[in-house]
Amino acid sequence: TIISVVRILPAAQLAVCSHYLSEKKSDLRVCDDSTCRFGGTCREDGAQLKCVCQFQCHKNYVPVCGSNGDTYQNECYRRQASCKQQRLISRVSDGPCSTDPGSGSGDGDDDEGSGSDVGKKFTKCSTCKYGAECDEDSEDVWCICNIDCSGHNENPVCATDGNSYNNPCLVREASCMKQEQIDVKHLGRCPDTRILDHGEGLYPGMSIPCADSFSGFCVHGKCEINKYNMATCRCDAGYKGPQCDEPQDFNILYVVPSGQKLHYVLIAAIIGAVQIAIIVAVVMCITRKCPKNNRGRRQKQNLGHFSSDTNNRMV
C-alpha cells in the first residue's frame, strides 16, 4: 500500500501541474465572443490574443448622448467607446447630453482609459464644427482648421457677417476659425467693406484709404494702404507710375498682350483695320482728283485750239 500511495502521488501532482499550466495558457490565449464584445475582433499580439477595436469613424458632428452620461461626436464614437471599455453604452437620445461633460462613470477596467476620460475627449471633439478637425492628442487646442486657400484665385465675395473676403475659401476658413456659421451672401465686396485682420495682416486685395497726411501723394489717382501698411496709388485712367505722375501710352497696336487677354488682340486688330481703311480712303480720294484736273486742262487746250481755227476761217 505504501508503494501504491507513493506511485499515486506523483501522478496526482503531475495532473494538478498540467491542469494549472493549461489554465494559465488558456488565460493567455482566451479571446472569443464572450470576452471580446461590442464590435471588437481578436487579433494575435505576439504570444497573446488581444481584443482590438477598429472603427473608422468619420469626423461629422452628429452628437449622441450615451447611457453613461457622456456626449459623443457621432454614433460611431459611441460604439467605439463601448468596445474599448467592453461594457454596454447605449444611445439614450440624439444630441448632446443635458448633464455636464464627462459625468459618466469611470468603471472601465481596460487600459484604454476610464469612461470619464473617454467622455471628456469626445465631448471636446464634439465642439469642433464648420470643417474643423479634432486633435485628441493636443492638450490645449482641440479644434484645428486645416483649410489651405493659397491656391485660390481672387474672387471677392460678401459674407453674412458683413465682411468682404478675397474668395469663398477664405469665408470657409473664417467660419472654421471662429467656429460660427459664415456663408457667402453675394458675389463682390460688401458695400461697407471692413478690413479683416488675418494673421500677418489684411486679406490679399483689401485696402483702406490713406490718412490726411498723405494728401497729394498720388498726383492722378487714389491713395490706399495695402496689407503691408504701406501707401500705394491706384492710378486714374491714362496715368501710371508709383505716384500716378506719368502719362500712359495708348498705342495699342504695339502692345503685345498675354495669351489670356485675347480681347486686347481683337481691339488692336480693329483699330489697325480702321487706320488702314482711312489710309486707303485718303489715297483713293487723291488719285480720283488727278484725272479731273487732267480733263480740265485738256478742255482748255481744245477750246484754245478751236478759237484759233475759227479766227482763221473768219479771216
Foldseek 3Di string as FASTA:
>chain_A
DVVVVVVVVVVVVVVVVVVVVVVVLCVQADDDPVRQDLQWDWDDDDSGIDTDHDFPDDLQQWWFAWPQGFIARDPSLQSSVCRQLVHDIDTPGTDHGPDDFLNGDFPRPDPPGGPSVSRNLRRVSSLQDLQWGADSPDDPDGTHHPQDPPPDQFWWFAKPVREIARDQSVQSVVCRVVVHDIHTPGTDGHPDHDFDQDVQFTHPPDWAFDDPVCVCQAVAFGWTQGRVRDIAGDHDPQADDRRRPHGDDDLLLPDDDDPVPCVSVVVNVVVVVVVVVVVVVVVVVVVVVVVVVVVVVVVVVVVVVVVVVVVVVVD
